[in-house]
Protein backbone atom coordinates (compact mmCIF):
# COMPACT_ATOMS: atom_id res chain seq x y z
CA MET A 1 0.00 0.00 0.00
CA PRO A 2 1.50 3.39 -0.97
CA GLN A 3 2.20 5.76 1.86
CA SER A 4 2.92 9.45 2.04
CA PHE A 5 4.97 11.37 4.58
CA GLY A 6 5.37 15.13 4.60
CA VAL A 7 7.24 17.58 6.77
CA ASP A 8 6.54 21.28 6.54
CA VAL A 9 8.62 23.88 8.36
CA TRP A 10 6.75 27.06 9.19
CA MET A 11 8.08 30.06 11.07
CA ARG A 12 4.64 31.69 11.36
CA PRO A 13 2.00 29.36 12.83
CA ASP A 14 -0.83 31.69 11.80
CA ASP A 15 0.22 31.43 8.13
CA MET A 16 0.38 27.64 8.46
CA MET A 17 -3.14 27.46 9.84
CA ASN A 18 -4.44 29.62 6.98
CA TYR A 19 -3.43 26.80 4.62
CA TYR A 20 -4.42 23.84 6.73
CA GLU A 21 -7.85 25.19 7.66
CA ASP A 22 -8.69 25.97 4.01
CA ALA A 23 -11.18 23.32 2.80
CA ASP A 24 -10.31 23.97 -0.87
CA PHE A 25 -6.61 23.41 -0.22
CA LEU A 26 -7.27 20.22 1.76
CA ALA A 27 -9.62 18.84 -0.90
CA GLY A 28 -6.62 18.42 -3.19
CA PHE A 29 -5.26 15.77 -0.85
CA ASP A 30 -8.45 13.68 -0.72
CA PRO A 31 -7.29 11.18 -3.38
CA MET A 32 -4.17 10.41 -1.32
CA PHE A 33 -6.00 9.17 1.78
CA THR A 34 -8.47 6.41 2.53
CA ASP A 35 -8.91 7.57 6.12
CA GLU A 36 -8.40 10.74 8.14
CA ALA A 37 -4.85 12.03 8.00
CA VAL A 38 -2.82 12.06 11.20
CA THR A 39 -1.28 15.44 11.87
CA ALA A 40 0.82 17.00 14.59
CA VAL A 41 2.27 20.41 15.32
CA TRP A 42 5.62 20.39 17.07
CA VAL A 43 7.00 23.54 18.64
CA HIS A 44 10.62 23.73 19.69
CA PRO A 45 11.28 24.62 23.32
CA GLN A 46 12.52 28.07 24.22
CA GLY A 47 16.27 28.46 24.14
CA ASP A 48 19.22 29.41 21.98
CA TRP A 49 19.60 26.15 20.08
CA LEU A 50 18.00 27.52 16.87
CA ASN A 51 20.03 30.39 15.48
CA GLY A 52 18.36 30.79 12.08
CA GLU A 53 21.05 28.91 10.16
CA PHE A 54 19.77 25.69 8.67
CA PRO A 55 22.06 22.82 7.60
CA PHE A 56 20.22 22.33 4.28
């Protein structure tokens, strides 16, 4: 069975939610899923470990 895995990196959670709460945007993914998608939002803890330079 084919599977899909996606990772999005957003710096502005409000902008992210504008996409993911848009029914028209989400409708484009309907053919990919046979059941409800499992989603999670992870927020890094406060601290100095993220300095804005990404290794990619």
